Amino acid sequence: MTTEEIERWLVGFVASLLDVPPQLIAATMPFDSLGVDSATTLVMAADLSEWLRVELSPVEVFEFATIRSLAERLAAVVPVGG
């Protein structure tokens, strides 16, 4: 997966969560300012882990606190063909 593909997934996830068009979600905004709380982080981490076939701790979502930084991190660790 590329950073862009993961970023699009994350934008869609957050837009769906907030019930807003994806165009209103800036990839550089911190997750907490987008309304992503700890319960949502657990769901997001589990969904991303399953989709990308990598282990993702919810703590990493807080460490890489924007859509862009998390997408970049995940793109670096997703297995080829993942």
Protein backbone atom coordinates (compact mmCIF):
# COMPACT_ATOMS: atom_id res chain seq x y z
CA MET A 1 0.00 0.00 0.00
CA THR A 2 1.12 3.51 -0.67
CA THR A 3 0.93 6.42 1.70
CA GLU A 4 -1.74 7.95 -0.53
CA GLU A 5 -3.93 4.83 -0.46
CA ILE A 6 -3.72 4.59 3.31
CA GLU A 7 -4.36 8.31 3.66
CA ARG A 8 -7.50 8.01 1.51
CA TRP A 9 -8.75 5.13 3.69
CA LEU A 10 -8.13 7.15 6.85
CA VAL A 11 -9.84 10.25 5.43
CA GLY A 12 -12.85 8.10 4.50
CA PHE A 13 -12.92 6.52 7.95
CA VAL A 14 -12.86 9.87 9.75
CA ALA A 15 -15.35 11.44 7.33
CA SER A 16 -17.72 8.54 7.92
CA LEU A 17 -17.24 8.88 11.67
CA LEU A 18 -18.10 12.57 11.54
CA ASP A 19 -20.75 12.16 8.84
CA VAL A 20 -19.12 14.81 6.65
CA PRO A 21 -17.77 14.81 3.08
CA PRO A 22 -14.15 13.58 2.86
CA GLN A 23 -13.16 16.91 1.30
CA LEU A 24 -13.65 18.53 4.71
CA ILE A 25 -11.03 16.31 6.36
CA ALA A 26 -7.48 17.68 6.30
CA ALA A 27 -4.83 14.97 6.52
CA THR A 28 -2.64 17.26 8.62
CA MET A 29 -5.15 17.85 11.41
CA PRO A 30 -4.58 15.91 14.66
CA PHE A 31 -6.97 13.00 15.18
CA ASP A 32 -8.22 14.41 18.47
CA SER A 33 -9.24 17.68 16.78
CA LEU A 34 -11.17 15.57 14.24
CA GLY A 35 -13.21 13.93 16.98
CA VAL A 36 -11.31 10.62 17.10
CA ASP A 37 -11.48 9.44 20.71
CA SER A 38 -9.90 6.41 22.39
CA ALA A 39 -12.81 4.09 21.57
CA THR A 40 -12.70 5.09 17.91
CA THR A 41 -8.95 4.64 17.92
CA LEU A 42 -9.38 1.00 18.96
CA VAL A 43 -11.77 0.36 16.07
CA MET A 44 -9.57 2.22 13.60
CA ALA A 45 -6.44 0.34 14.67
CA ALA A 46 -8.21 -3.02 14.39
CA ASP A 47 -9.67 -2.20 10.96
CA LEU A 48 -6.32 -0.94 9.68
CA SER A 49 -4.52 -4.01 11.04
CA GLU A 50 -6.92 -6.30 9.26
CA TRP A 51 -6.87 -4.38 5.98
CA LEU A 52 -3.09 -3.92 5.85
CA ARG A 53 -2.16 -7.23 7.52
CA VAL A 54 0.12 -5.54 10.01
CA GLU A 55 -0.04 -5.30 13.76
CA LEU A 56 -1.05 -1.79 14.80
CA SER A 57 -1.31 -0.75 18.39
CA PRO A 58 -3.83 1.97 19.22
CA VAL A 59 -0.93 3.72 20.94
CA GLU A 60 0.65 4.25 17.52
CA VAL A 61 -2.38 6.26 16.46
CA PHE A 62 -1.59 8.67 19.29
CA GLU A 63 2.14 8.67 18.48
CA PHE A 64 1.46 9.39 14.79
CA ALA A 65 -1.34 11.81 15.56
CA THR A 66 -2.40 12.93 12.08
CA ILE A 67 -3.78 11.06 9.10
CA ARG A 68 -0.68 11.90 7.07
CA SER A 69 1.88 10.85 9.67
CA LEU A 70 0.06 7.60 10.44
CA ALA A 71 -0.30 6.83 6.71
CA GLU A 72 3.41 7.44 6.17
CA ARG A 73 4.31 5.18 9.10
CA LEU A 74 2.03 2.38 7.93
CA ALA A 75 3.21 2.59 4.32
CA ALA A 76 6.75 2.03 5.60
CA VAL A 77 5.84 -1.20 7.42
CA VAL A 78 3.17 -2.79 5.19
CA PRO A 79 4.51 -5.93 3.52
CA VAL A 80 4.93 -5.79 -0.25
CA GLY A 81 1.64 -6.79 -1.80
CA GLY A 82 -0.13 -5.99 1.50
